[in-house]
Structure formats: structure tokens, C-alpha cells
Amino acid sequence: MLSTFTSLNQTAKMAAFAILAGSVVLSTGCATKRSGTSEVVVAPLGIPGSGAYAGGSIVNNSSAVMNAANNIQAVVYFGFDQSNISSEAAAILNQHASLLASNPSASVLVAGHTDERGSREYNMALGERRAQAVQSYLATKGVSAANVKVISYGEERPAATGSDEQSYAQNRRAELSY
């Protein structure tokens, strides 16, 4: 196989490498390095969006926490190329902060998402900033950072499949999973 690879022209080599790299990503999932740490959070493919994968284990909360969380909107939205918390998002996050403060052993996974515009690398970083903005906001409300895990999916898990502003707006989000 190596002799075949060396005989290919540069374009064919790049295409072969892209296929190989794509198959590795598909078999292992998406990973993102948490800034400021050496921790890498991996989200294996095939885990449904509602299944929270955090730092190597499924987030496990009591049924009372799960029931209470079901009564709170679990998605906050962001402006184009933004990671700041809007007043609408703050109102939702205040409810999550109250739930987490009243259940100190409960934990939540915050998944940052983006629309399809921008490079994959840029969108992974923007999704991370969005998730971290939610984590920071919750921390200002007294929630321990240890109880909030963050992950970025970038553009990989769109809520809406379209190339119009309405679809983009639905994809610029952070989702909270208990």
C-alpha cells in the first residue's frame, strides 16, 4: 500500500489522507481540548444528543433533578459570531442555576454549537466559547464549575438543516443536558 501511496500525485495523496482522516473521526468521534487545561473531552458518535457524555462518563443525576430539568428550557441562543449571554439566555440560565444550587450533587453538560459558516476549527472554538460562557454565567450564580462540563460540537450537530438565516439562528446555541 505504501508503494501505491508514493506513486500518487499530490492531489490524490491529499484526497487519500482526507478519506483516512475522515474514517478515523467517524470511528472515534469528536474531541475538543478544554482551554486552560490538559483535559480533552471526547463525544463518541452514536450517543444521542440527549445522552450527556461528560469527561468520560454519562452524567448521572437523580430522577428529581431530571424531572425538574425537564421543566426548564434547555437551549440558549447566540448572535452571529457571538458567545455573550443575552438577557433572554440569562433568564433561562437563572432557572438552571437555581436547580443546580438547590441540588449541589447534580451536574450538567453544556454543549456549544454553531451554524455551518466558518471553518471546522473556528466553529469548534466558537462552540467551546459559547459553552464556557454558559459555564461562567452559572458560576457567577453560585454553581460550582466542577458540576458543569463543557463540550463543543461546532457545526457537527445542527438543529436545523438549511442555509438560511432562520436555520443559522437555530444552530447558534448551547444545550444543557442533565
N, C-alpha and C. Protein backbone atom coordinates (compact mmCIF):
# COMPACT_ATOMS: atom_id res chain seq x y z
N MET A 1 0.82 -1.20 0.00
CA MET A 1 0.00 0.00 0.00
C MET A 1 0.86 1.25 0.00
N LEU A 2 1.99 1.22 0.71
CA LEU A 2 2.88 2.37 0.77
C LEU A 2 3.43 2.69 -0.61
N SER A 3 3.79 1.66 -1.40
CA SER A 3 4.31 1.92 -2.74
C SER A 3 3.24 2.55 -3.62
N THR A 4 2.00 2.12 -3.45
CA THR A 4 0.90 2.73 -4.20
C THR A 4 0.73 4.17 -3.79
N PHE A 5 0.83 4.45 -2.51
CA PHE A 5 0.64 5.81 -1.99
C PHE A 5 1.72 6.74 -2.53
N THR A 6 2.98 6.28 -2.59
CA THR A 6 4.07 7.14 -3.04
C THR A 6 3.98 7.42 -4.53
N SER A 7 3.29 6.59 -5.30
CA SER A 7 3.18 6.82 -6.73
C SER A 7 2.03 7.77 -7.08
N LEU A 8 1.20 8.13 -6.14
CA LEU A 8 0.08 9.03 -6.39
C LEU A 8 0.56 10.47 -6.51
N ASN A 9 -0.16 11.28 -7.31
CA ASN A 9 0.20 12.70 -7.37
C ASN A 9 -0.26 13.40 -6.09
N GLN A 10 0.14 14.63 -5.91
CA GLN A 10 -0.12 15.35 -4.65
C GLN A 10 -1.62 15.47 -4.37
N THR A 11 -2.45 15.75 -5.37
CA THR A 11 -3.89 15.88 -5.16
C THR A 11 -4.49 14.56 -4.70
N ALA A 12 -4.06 13.48 -5.33
CA ALA A 12 -4.57 12.17 -4.94
C ALA A 12 -4.12 11.80 -3.53
N LYS A 13 -2.89 12.18 -3.16
CA LYS A 13 -2.41 11.93 -1.80
C LYS A 13 -3.25 12.67 -0.78
N MET A 14 -3.57 13.94 -1.10
CA MET A 14 -4.38 14.73 -0.17
C MET A 14 -5.77 14.14 -0.03
N ALA A 15 -6.34 13.67 -1.13
CA ALA A 15 -7.66 13.06 -1.07
C ALA A 15 -7.63 11.77 -0.26
N ALA A 16 -6.60 10.96 -0.46
CA ALA A 16 -6.48 9.71 0.29
C ALA A 16 -6.32 10.00 1.79
N PHE A 17 -5.51 11.00 2.10
CA PHE A 17 -5.33 11.37 3.51
C PHE A 17 -6.64 11.86 4.11
N ALA A 18 -7.41 12.68 3.36
CA ALA A 18 -8.69 13.18 3.86
C ALA A 18 -9.66 12.04 4.13
N ILE A 19 -9.68 11.05 3.26
CA ILE A 19 -10.55 9.90 3.47
C ILE A 19 -10.13 9.12 4.70
N LEU A 20 -8.83 8.90 4.84
CA LEU A 20 -8.31 8.18 6.01
C LEU A 20 -8.62 8.96 7.29
N ALA A 21 -8.36 10.26 7.29
CA ALA A 21 -8.62 11.07 8.48
C ALA A 21 -10.12 11.09 8.80
N GLY A 22 -10.94 11.15 7.78
CA GLY A 22 -12.39 11.13 8.00
C GLY A 22 -12.86 9.83 8.62
N SER A 23 -12.27 8.73 8.18
CA SER A 23 -12.67 7.45 8.75
C SER A 23 -12.24 7.34 10.21
N VAL A 24 -11.12 7.94 10.57
CA VAL A 24 -10.67 7.94 11.96
C VAL A 24 -11.65 8.75 12.81
N VAL A 25 -12.06 9.93 12.32
CA VAL A 25 -13.02 10.75 13.06
C VAL A 25 -14.34 10.02 13.21
N LEU A 26 -14.81 9.39 12.15
CA LEU A 26 -16.08 8.69 12.23
C LEU A 26 -16.03 7.52 13.21
N SER A 27 -14.89 6.88 13.32
CA SER A 27 -14.82 5.74 14.22
C SER A 27 -14.55 6.13 15.66
N THR A 28 -14.01 7.33 15.89
CA THR A 28 -13.67 7.70 17.25
C THR A 28 -14.53 8.81 17.81
N GLY A 29 -15.14 9.64 17.00
CA GLY A 29 -15.96 10.72 17.49
C GLY A 29 -15.23 12.04 17.43
N CYS A 30 -15.82 13.05 18.06
CA CYS A 30 -15.26 14.39 18.06
C CYS A 30 -14.57 14.65 19.38
N ALA A 31 -13.50 15.38 19.31
CA ALA A 31 -12.78 15.72 20.54
C ALA A 31 -12.51 17.20 20.56
N THR A 32 -12.45 17.76 21.73
CA THR A 32 -12.09 19.15 21.89
C THR A 32 -11.25 19.29 23.15
N LYS A 33 -10.20 20.08 23.06
CA LYS A 33 -9.35 20.30 24.22
C LYS A 33 -9.90 21.48 24.99
N ARG A 34 -10.12 21.28 26.28
CA ARG A 34 -10.61 22.36 27.12
C ARG A 34 -9.49 23.35 27.33
N SER A 35 -9.75 24.62 27.03
CA SER A 35 -8.71 25.62 27.16
C SER A 35 -8.30 25.79 28.62
N GLY A 36 -7.02 26.04 28.81
CA GLY A 36 -6.50 26.25 30.15
C GLY A 36 -6.26 24.96 30.91
N THR A 37 -6.53 23.81 30.28
CA THR A 37 -6.31 22.52 30.93
C THR A 37 -5.69 21.57 29.94
N SER A 38 -5.32 20.42 30.41
CA SER A 38 -4.84 19.38 29.51
C SER A 38 -5.94 18.37 29.22
N GLU A 39 -7.15 18.65 29.71
CA GLU A 39 -8.28 17.73 29.55
C GLU A 39 -8.84 17.80 28.15
N VAL A 40 -9.05 16.66 27.53
CA VAL A 40 -9.70 16.57 26.23
C VAL A 40 -11.03 15.88 26.45
N VAL A 41 -12.11 16.52 26.02
CA VAL A 41 -13.44 15.96 26.16
C VAL A 41 -13.82 15.34 24.83
N VAL A 42 -14.15 14.07 24.82
CA VAL A 42 -14.49 13.35 23.61
C VAL A 42 -15.95 12.97 23.64
N ALA A 43 -16.63 13.23 22.55
CA ALA A 43 -18.02 12.83 22.41
C ALA A 43 -18.10 11.77 21.33
N PRO A 44 -18.22 10.52 21.68
CA PRO A 44 -18.28 9.48 20.65
C PRO A 44 -19.55 9.61 19.82
N LEU A 45 -19.40 9.31 18.54
CA LEU A 45 -20.57 9.35 17.67
C LEU A 45 -21.51 8.24 18.06
N GLY A 46 -22.79 8.47 17.84
CA GLY A 46 -23.78 7.45 18.15
C GLY A 46 -24.45 7.68 19.48
N ILE A 47 -23.90 8.58 20.30
CA ILE A 47 -24.58 8.91 21.55
C ILE A 47 -25.59 9.99 21.21
N PRO A 48 -26.87 9.77 21.47
CA PRO A 48 -27.87 10.76 21.12
C PRO A 48 -27.63 12.07 21.82
N GLY A 49 -28.11 13.17 21.22
CA GLY A 49 -27.91 14.50 21.78
C GLY A 49 -28.43 14.61 23.20
N SER A 50 -29.44 13.85 23.55
CA SER A 50 -29.98 13.94 24.90
C SER A 50 -29.15 13.14 25.89
N GLY A 51 -28.33 12.22 25.42
CA GLY A 51 -27.46 11.46 26.30
C GLY A 51 -26.23 12.30 26.60
N ALA A 52 -25.99 12.64 27.82
CA ALA A 52 -24.91 13.56 28.15
C ALA A 52 -23.63 12.80 28.41
N TYR A 53 -22.65 13.05 27.60
CA TYR A 53 -21.34 12.43 27.77
C TYR A 53 -20.42 13.50 28.31
N ALA A 54 -19.90 13.29 29.51
CA ALA A 54 -19.09 14.33 30.13
C ALA A 54 -17.82 13.74 30.69
N GLY A 55 -16.71 14.10 30.09
CA GLY A 55 -15.41 13.73 30.63
C GLY A 55 -15.23 12.24 30.79
N GLY A 56 -15.84 11.44 29.96
CA GLY A 56 -15.62 10.01 30.01
C GLY A 56 -16.71 9.22 30.67
N SER A 57 -17.72 9.86 31.22
CA SER A 57 -18.79 9.11 31.85
C SER A 57 -20.13 9.77 31.57
N ILE A 58 -21.18 9.00 31.64
CA ILE A 58 -22.51 9.55 31.45
C ILE A 58 -22.88 10.36 32.69
N VAL A 59 -23.41 11.57 32.46
CA VAL A 59 -23.86 12.39 33.58
C VAL A 59 -24.99 11.66 34.26
N ASN A 60 -24.91 11.46 35.56
CA ASN A 60 -25.88 10.68 36.29
C ASN A 60 -26.49 11.53 37.40
N ASN A 61 -27.73 11.92 37.23
CA ASN A 61 -28.43 12.75 38.20
C ASN A 61 -29.65 11.99 38.73
N SER A 62 -30.15 12.44 39.86
CA SER A 62 -31.34 11.82 40.45
C SER A 62 -32.56 12.07 39.58
N SER A 63 -33.57 11.26 39.77
CA SER A 63 -34.81 11.43 38.99
C SER A 63 -35.48 12.75 39.34
N ALA A 64 -35.34 13.22 40.57
CA ALA A 64 -35.93 14.51 40.95
C ALA A 64 -35.28 15.65 40.16
N VAL A 65 -33.95 15.59 40.01
CA VAL A 65 -33.25 16.61 39.23
C VAL A 65 -33.67 16.52 37.77
N MET A 66 -33.74 15.31 37.25
CA MET A 66 -34.14 15.11 35.86
C MET A 66 -35.55 15.65 35.61
N ASN A 67 -36.47 15.37 36.51
CA ASN A 67 -37.84 15.85 36.37
C ASN A 67 -37.90 17.38 36.41
N ALA A 68 -37.15 17.98 37.34
CA ALA A 68 -37.13 19.44 37.44
C ALA A 68 -36.49 20.05 36.19
N ALA A 69 -35.44 19.43 35.68
CA ALA A 69 -34.76 19.94 34.48
C ALA A 69 -35.67 19.89 33.26
N ASN A 70 -36.55 18.91 33.21
CA ASN A 70 -37.47 18.79 32.08
C ASN A 70 -38.43 19.98 31.99
N ASN A 71 -38.59 20.71 33.08
CA ASN A 71 -39.49 21.86 33.09
C ASN A 71 -38.80 23.18 32.77
N ILE A 72 -37.51 23.11 32.44
CA ILE A 72 -36.74 24.31 32.11
C ILE A 72 -36.28 24.20 30.67
N GLN A 73 -36.38 25.30 29.93
CA GLN A 73 -35.87 25.30 28.56
C GLN A 73 -34.39 24.96 28.60
N ALA A 74 -33.96 24.05 27.75
CA ALA A 74 -32.59 23.53 27.80
C ALA A 74 -31.67 24.13 26.74
N VAL A 75 -32.14 25.10 25.98
CA VAL A 75 -31.34 25.68 24.91
C VAL A 75 -31.30 27.19 25.06
N VAL A 76 -30.09 27.76 24.92
CA VAL A 76 -29.93 29.21 24.85
C VAL A 76 -29.29 29.53 23.50
N TYR A 77 -29.65 30.67 22.95
CA TYR A 77 -29.20 31.03 21.61
C TYR A 77 -28.24 32.21 21.65
N PHE A 78 -27.43 32.30 20.59
CA PHE A 78 -26.40 33.33 20.48
C PHE A 78 -26.53 34.05 19.15
N GLY A 79 -26.01 35.26 19.09
CA GLY A 79 -25.95 36.01 17.85
C GLY A 79 -24.84 35.48 16.96
N PHE A 80 -24.81 35.95 15.73
CA PHE A 80 -23.80 35.53 14.77
C PHE A 80 -22.41 35.87 15.31
N ASP A 81 -21.54 34.86 15.34
CA ASP A 81 -20.14 35.01 15.76
C ASP A 81 -20.04 35.57 17.18
N GLN A 82 -21.01 35.27 18.03
CA GLN A 82 -21.05 35.78 19.40
C GLN A 82 -21.03 34.65 20.41
N SER A 83 -20.51 34.96 21.59
CA SER A 83 -20.56 34.00 22.70
C SER A 83 -21.01 34.69 23.98
N ASN A 84 -21.53 35.90 23.86
CA ASN A 84 -22.01 36.61 25.05
C ASN A 84 -23.43 36.16 25.40
N ILE A 85 -23.73 36.20 26.70
CA ILE A 85 -25.04 35.77 27.20
C ILE A 85 -26.03 36.91 27.07
N SER A 86 -27.09 36.69 26.31
CA SER A 86 -28.13 37.71 26.14
C SER A 86 -29.05 37.72 27.35
N SER A 87 -29.91 38.72 27.43
CA SER A 87 -30.86 38.78 28.56
C SER A 87 -31.84 37.61 28.50
N GLU A 88 -32.22 37.17 27.31
CA GLU A 88 -33.11 36.02 27.18
C GLU A 88 -32.41 34.75 27.69
N ALA A 89 -31.14 34.60 27.31
CA ALA A 89 -30.38 33.43 27.77
C ALA A 89 -30.18 33.49 29.29
N ALA A 90 -29.93 34.68 29.82
CA ALA A 90 -29.72 34.83 31.27
C ALA A 90 -30.96 34.39 32.05
N ALA A 91 -32.13 34.72 31.54
CA ALA A 91 -33.37 34.32 32.23
C ALA A 91 -33.48 32.79 32.30
N ILE A 92 -33.12 32.12 31.23
CA ILE A 92 -33.15 30.66 31.21
C ILE A 92 -32.07 30.10 32.13
N LEU A 93 -30.87 30.64 32.04
CA LEU A 93 -29.77 30.14 32.84
C LEU A 93 -29.98 30.38 34.33
N ASN A 94 -30.70 31.42 34.69
CA ASN A 94 -31.02 31.66 36.11
C ASN A 94 -31.83 30.50 36.67
N GLN A 95 -32.73 29.95 35.87
CA GLN A 95 -33.52 28.80 36.31
C GLN A 95 -32.62 27.57 36.51
N HIS A 96 -31.68 27.37 35.59
CA HIS A 96 -30.74 26.24 35.72
C HIS A 96 -29.86 26.45 36.95
N ALA A 97 -29.43 27.67 37.18
CA ALA A 97 -28.59 27.96 38.34
C ALA A 97 -29.33 27.65 39.63
N SER A 98 -30.60 27.99 39.70
CA SER A 98 -31.41 27.68 40.89
C SER A 98 -31.51 26.18 41.10
N LEU A 99 -31.76 25.45 40.04
CA LEU A 99 -31.85 23.99 40.13
C LEU A 99 -30.53 23.39 40.61
N LEU A 100 -29.43 23.83 40.03
CA LEU A 100 -28.13 23.29 40.40
C LEU A 100 -27.72 23.70 41.81
N ALA A 101 -28.07 24.92 42.21
CA ALA A 101 -27.73 25.37 43.57
C ALA A 101 -28.51 24.60 44.63
N SER A 102 -29.75 24.25 44.31
CA SER A 102 -30.56 23.50 45.27
C SER A 102 -30.26 22.00 45.25
N ASN A 103 -29.46 21.57 44.30
CA ASN A 103 -29.04 20.16 44.19
C ASN A 103 -27.54 20.13 43.95
N PRO A 104 -26.73 20.36 44.99
CA PRO A 104 -25.29 20.51 44.81
C PRO A 104 -24.56 19.28 44.24
N SER A 105 -25.18 18.13 44.27
CA SER A 105 -24.53 16.96 43.68
C SER A 105 -24.91 16.77 42.21
N ALA A 106 -25.84 17.58 41.72
CA ALA A 106 -26.27 17.47 40.33
C ALA A 106 -25.21 18.07 39.41
N SER A 107 -25.14 17.54 38.19
CA SER A 107 -24.21 18.09 37.21
C SER A 107 -24.92 18.25 35.87
N VAL A 108 -24.36 19.09 35.04
CA VAL A 108 -24.95 19.39 33.75
C VAL A 108 -23.84 19.43 32.70
N LEU A 109 -24.17 19.02 31.51
CA LEU A 109 -23.28 19.12 30.36
C LEU A 109 -23.78 20.25 29.49
N VAL A 110 -22.90 21.17 29.15
CA VAL A 110 -23.24 22.27 28.25
C VAL A 110 -22.52 22.02 26.93
N ALA A 111 -23.29 21.85 25.87
CA ALA A 111 -22.74 21.58 24.54
C ALA A 111 -22.90 22.82 23.68
N GLY A 112 -21.77 23.35 23.20
CA GLY A 112 -21.79 24.52 22.33
C GLY A 112 -21.90 24.12 20.87
N HIS A 113 -22.72 24.86 20.14
CA HIS A 113 -22.97 24.57 18.72
C HIS A 113 -22.85 25.86 17.91
N THR A 114 -22.62 25.70 16.61
CA THR A 114 -22.53 26.84 15.69
C THR A 114 -23.32 26.53 14.42
N ASP A 115 -23.47 27.55 13.59
CA ASP A 115 -24.02 27.29 12.26
C ASP A 115 -22.87 26.83 11.36
N GLU A 116 -23.17 26.59 10.11
CA GLU A 116 -22.19 25.97 9.21
C GLU A 116 -21.17 26.94 8.65
N ARG A 117 -21.35 28.23 8.86
CA ARG A 117 -20.42 29.20 8.30
C ARG A 117 -19.12 29.20 9.11
N GLY A 118 -18.01 29.31 8.45
CA GLY A 118 -16.70 29.29 9.10
C GLY A 118 -16.06 27.93 8.97
N SER A 119 -14.76 27.88 9.25
CA SER A 119 -14.04 26.60 9.15
C SER A 119 -14.43 25.70 10.32
N ARG A 120 -14.14 24.42 10.16
CA ARG A 120 -14.44 23.46 11.22
C ARG A 120 -13.71 23.84 12.50
N GLU A 121 -12.44 24.22 12.38
CA GLU A 121 -11.65 24.58 13.55
C GLU A 121 -12.22 25.82 14.23
N TYR A 122 -12.58 26.82 13.43
CA TYR A 122 -13.15 28.04 14.01
C TYR A 122 -14.45 27.73 14.73
N ASN A 123 -15.29 26.92 14.11
CA ASN A 123 -16.59 26.59 14.72
C ASN A 123 -16.44 25.76 15.99
N MET A 124 -15.46 24.87 16.03
CA MET A 124 -15.22 24.12 17.27
C MET A 124 -14.82 25.09 18.38
N ALA A 125 -13.96 26.06 18.07
CA ALA A 125 -13.53 27.04 19.08
C ALA A 125 -14.69 27.93 19.50
N LEU A 126 -15.52 28.35 18.56
CA LEU A 126 -16.67 29.19 18.89
C LEU A 126 -17.68 28.42 19.74
N GLY A 127 -17.93 27.17 19.40
CA GLY A 127 -18.82 26.33 20.22
C GLY A 127 -18.29 26.19 21.63
N GLU A 128 -16.98 26.05 21.75
CA GLU A 128 -16.34 25.96 23.07
C GLU A 128 -16.53 27.27 23.85
N ARG A 129 -16.33 28.40 23.18
CA ARG A 129 -16.52 29.70 23.86
C ARG A 129 -17.97 29.86 24.33
N ARG A 130 -18.91 29.41 23.54
CA ARG A 130 -20.32 29.51 23.93
C ARG A 130 -20.60 28.65 25.15
N ALA A 131 -20.11 27.42 25.15
CA ALA A 131 -20.33 26.53 26.29
C ALA A 131 -19.64 27.09 27.54
N GLN A 132 -18.44 27.63 27.37
CA GLN A 132 -17.73 28.21 28.51
C GLN A 132 -18.42 29.48 29.02
N ALA A 133 -19.04 30.24 28.12
CA ALA A 133 -19.78 31.42 28.55
C ALA A 133 -20.94 31.02 29.45
N VAL A 134 -21.62 29.93 29.10
CA VAL A 134 -22.71 29.42 29.94
C VAL A 134 -22.15 28.95 31.28
N GLN A 135 -21.04 28.21 31.25
CA GLN A 135 -20.42 27.74 32.48
C GLN A 135 -20.02 28.93 33.37
N SER A 136 -19.44 29.94 32.79
CA SER A 136 -19.03 31.13 33.56
C SER A 136 -20.24 31.85 34.13
N TYR A 137 -21.30 31.96 33.35
CA TYR A 137 -22.51 32.61 33.86
C TYR A 137 -23.07 31.86 35.05
N LEU A 138 -23.15 30.54 34.92
CA LEU A 138 -23.66 29.72 36.03
C LEU A 138 -22.77 29.87 37.26
N ALA A 139 -21.46 29.99 37.05
CA ALA A 139 -20.53 30.17 38.18
C ALA A 139 -20.80 31.48 38.91
N THR A 140 -21.17 32.53 38.15
CA THR A 140 -21.48 33.81 38.80
C THR A 140 -22.74 33.71 39.65
N LYS A 141 -23.54 32.70 39.40
CA LYS A 141 -24.78 32.48 40.16
C LYS A 141 -24.57 31.45 41.27
N GLY A 142 -23.31 31.07 41.52
CA GLY A 142 -23.00 30.19 42.64
C GLY A 142 -22.90 28.71 42.31
N VAL A 143 -22.97 28.35 41.04
CA VAL A 143 -22.86 26.95 40.65
C VAL A 143 -21.38 26.59 40.55
N SER A 144 -20.99 25.49 41.16
CA SER A 144 -19.60 25.05 41.12
C SER A 144 -19.22 24.67 39.70
N ALA A 145 -18.06 25.14 39.26
CA ALA A 145 -17.56 24.79 37.93
C ALA A 145 -17.36 23.28 37.78
N ALA A 146 -17.12 22.60 38.89
CA ALA A 146 -16.95 21.14 38.85
C ALA A 146 -18.24 20.43 38.47
N ASN A 147 -19.38 21.10 38.63
CA ASN A 147 -20.67 20.50 38.31
C ASN A 147 -21.14 20.82 36.89
N VAL A 148 -20.33 21.59 36.15
CA VAL A 148 -20.70 21.98 34.80
C VAL A 148 -19.58 21.55 33.86
N LYS A 149 -19.88 20.60 33.01
CA LYS A 149 -18.93 20.12 32.00
C LYS A 149 -19.26 20.81 30.69
N VAL A 150 -18.23 21.13 29.90
CA VAL A 150 -18.45 21.77 28.61
C VAL A 150 -17.88 20.92 27.49
N ILE A 151 -18.51 21.01 26.34
CA ILE A 151 -18.05 20.33 25.13
C ILE A 151 -18.48 21.18 23.95
N SER A 152 -17.74 21.08 22.87
CA SER A 152 -18.11 21.78 21.65
C SER A 152 -18.37 20.77 20.55
N TYR A 153 -19.47 20.96 19.86
CA TYR A 153 -19.74 20.16 18.66
C TYR A 153 -19.58 21.01 17.41
N GLY A 154 -19.33 22.31 17.57
CA GLY A 154 -19.18 23.17 16.41
C GLY A 154 -20.41 23.09 15.53
N GLU A 155 -20.17 22.84 14.26
CA GLU A 155 -21.27 22.76 13.29
C GLU A 155 -21.74 21.33 13.07
N GLU A 156 -21.18 20.37 13.81
CA GLU A 156 -21.39 18.94 13.55
C GLU A 156 -22.79 18.42 13.85
N ARG A 157 -23.54 19.06 14.71
CA ARG A 157 -24.87 18.58 15.08
C ARG A 157 -25.91 19.69 14.94
N PRO A 158 -26.25 20.02 13.72
CA PRO A 158 -27.20 21.13 13.52
C PRO A 158 -28.61 20.78 14.01
N ALA A 159 -29.28 21.77 14.57
CA ALA A 159 -30.68 21.60 14.96
C ALA A 159 -31.58 21.79 13.75
N ALA A 160 -31.14 22.59 12.79
CA ALA A 160 -31.90 22.85 11.57
C ALA A 160 -30.97 22.68 10.38
N THR A 161 -31.46 22.02 9.36
CA THR A 161 -30.65 21.81 8.16
C THR A 161 -31.13 22.75 7.07
N GLY A 162 -30.51 23.85 6.95
CA GLY A 162 -30.84 24.82 5.93
C GLY A 162 -29.71 25.81 5.84
N SER A 163 -29.66 26.53 4.75
CA SER A 163 -28.62 27.54 4.56
C SER A 163 -29.26 28.91 4.49
N ASP A 164 -30.15 29.18 5.43
CA ASP A 164 -30.80 30.48 5.51
C ASP A 164 -30.68 31.00 6.94
N GLU A 165 -30.95 32.27 7.14
CA GLU A 165 -30.75 32.89 8.45
C GLU A 165 -31.58 32.22 9.55
N GLN A 166 -32.79 31.77 9.23
CA GLN A 166 -33.62 31.11 10.24
C GLN A 166 -32.95 29.82 10.74
N SER A 167 -32.40 29.04 9.83
CA SER A 167 -31.69 27.81 10.21
C SER A 167 -30.42 28.14 10.97
N TYR A 168 -29.68 29.13 10.49
CA TYR A 168 -28.45 29.52 11.18
C TYR A 168 -28.73 29.92 12.62
N ALA A 169 -29.80 30.69 12.81
CA ALA A 169 -30.14 31.16 14.16
C ALA A 169 -30.46 30.00 15.10
N GLN A 170 -31.10 28.96 14.59
CA GLN A 170 -31.42 27.79 15.43
C GLN A 170 -30.18 26.98 15.78
N ASN A 171 -29.14 27.08 14.97
CA ASN A 171 -27.92 26.31 15.19
C ASN A 171 -26.90 27.02 16.08
N ARG A 172 -27.05 28.32 16.26
CA ARG A 172 -26.14 29.09 17.13
C ARG A 172 -26.64 28.98 18.56
N ARG A 173 -26.21 27.92 19.27
CA ARG A 173 -26.84 27.63 20.54
C ARG A 173 -25.90 26.91 21.49
N ALA A 174 -26.35 26.83 22.74
CA ALA A 174 -25.73 25.94 23.74
C ALA A 174 -26.88 25.15 24.34
N GLU A 175 -26.68 23.85 24.46
CA GLU A 175 -27.71 22.96 25.02
C GLU A 175 -27.24 22.44 26.36
N LEU A 176 -28.15 22.44 27.33
CA LEU A 176 -27.84 21.93 28.65
C LEU A 176 -28.52 20.58 28.82
N SER A 177 -27.74 19.56 29.22
CA SER A 177 -28.25 18.21 29.41
C SER A 177 -27.90 17.74 30.82
N TYR A 178 -28.89 17.18 31.50
CA TYR A 178 -28.70 16.67 32.86
C TYR A 178 -28.55 15.18 32.86
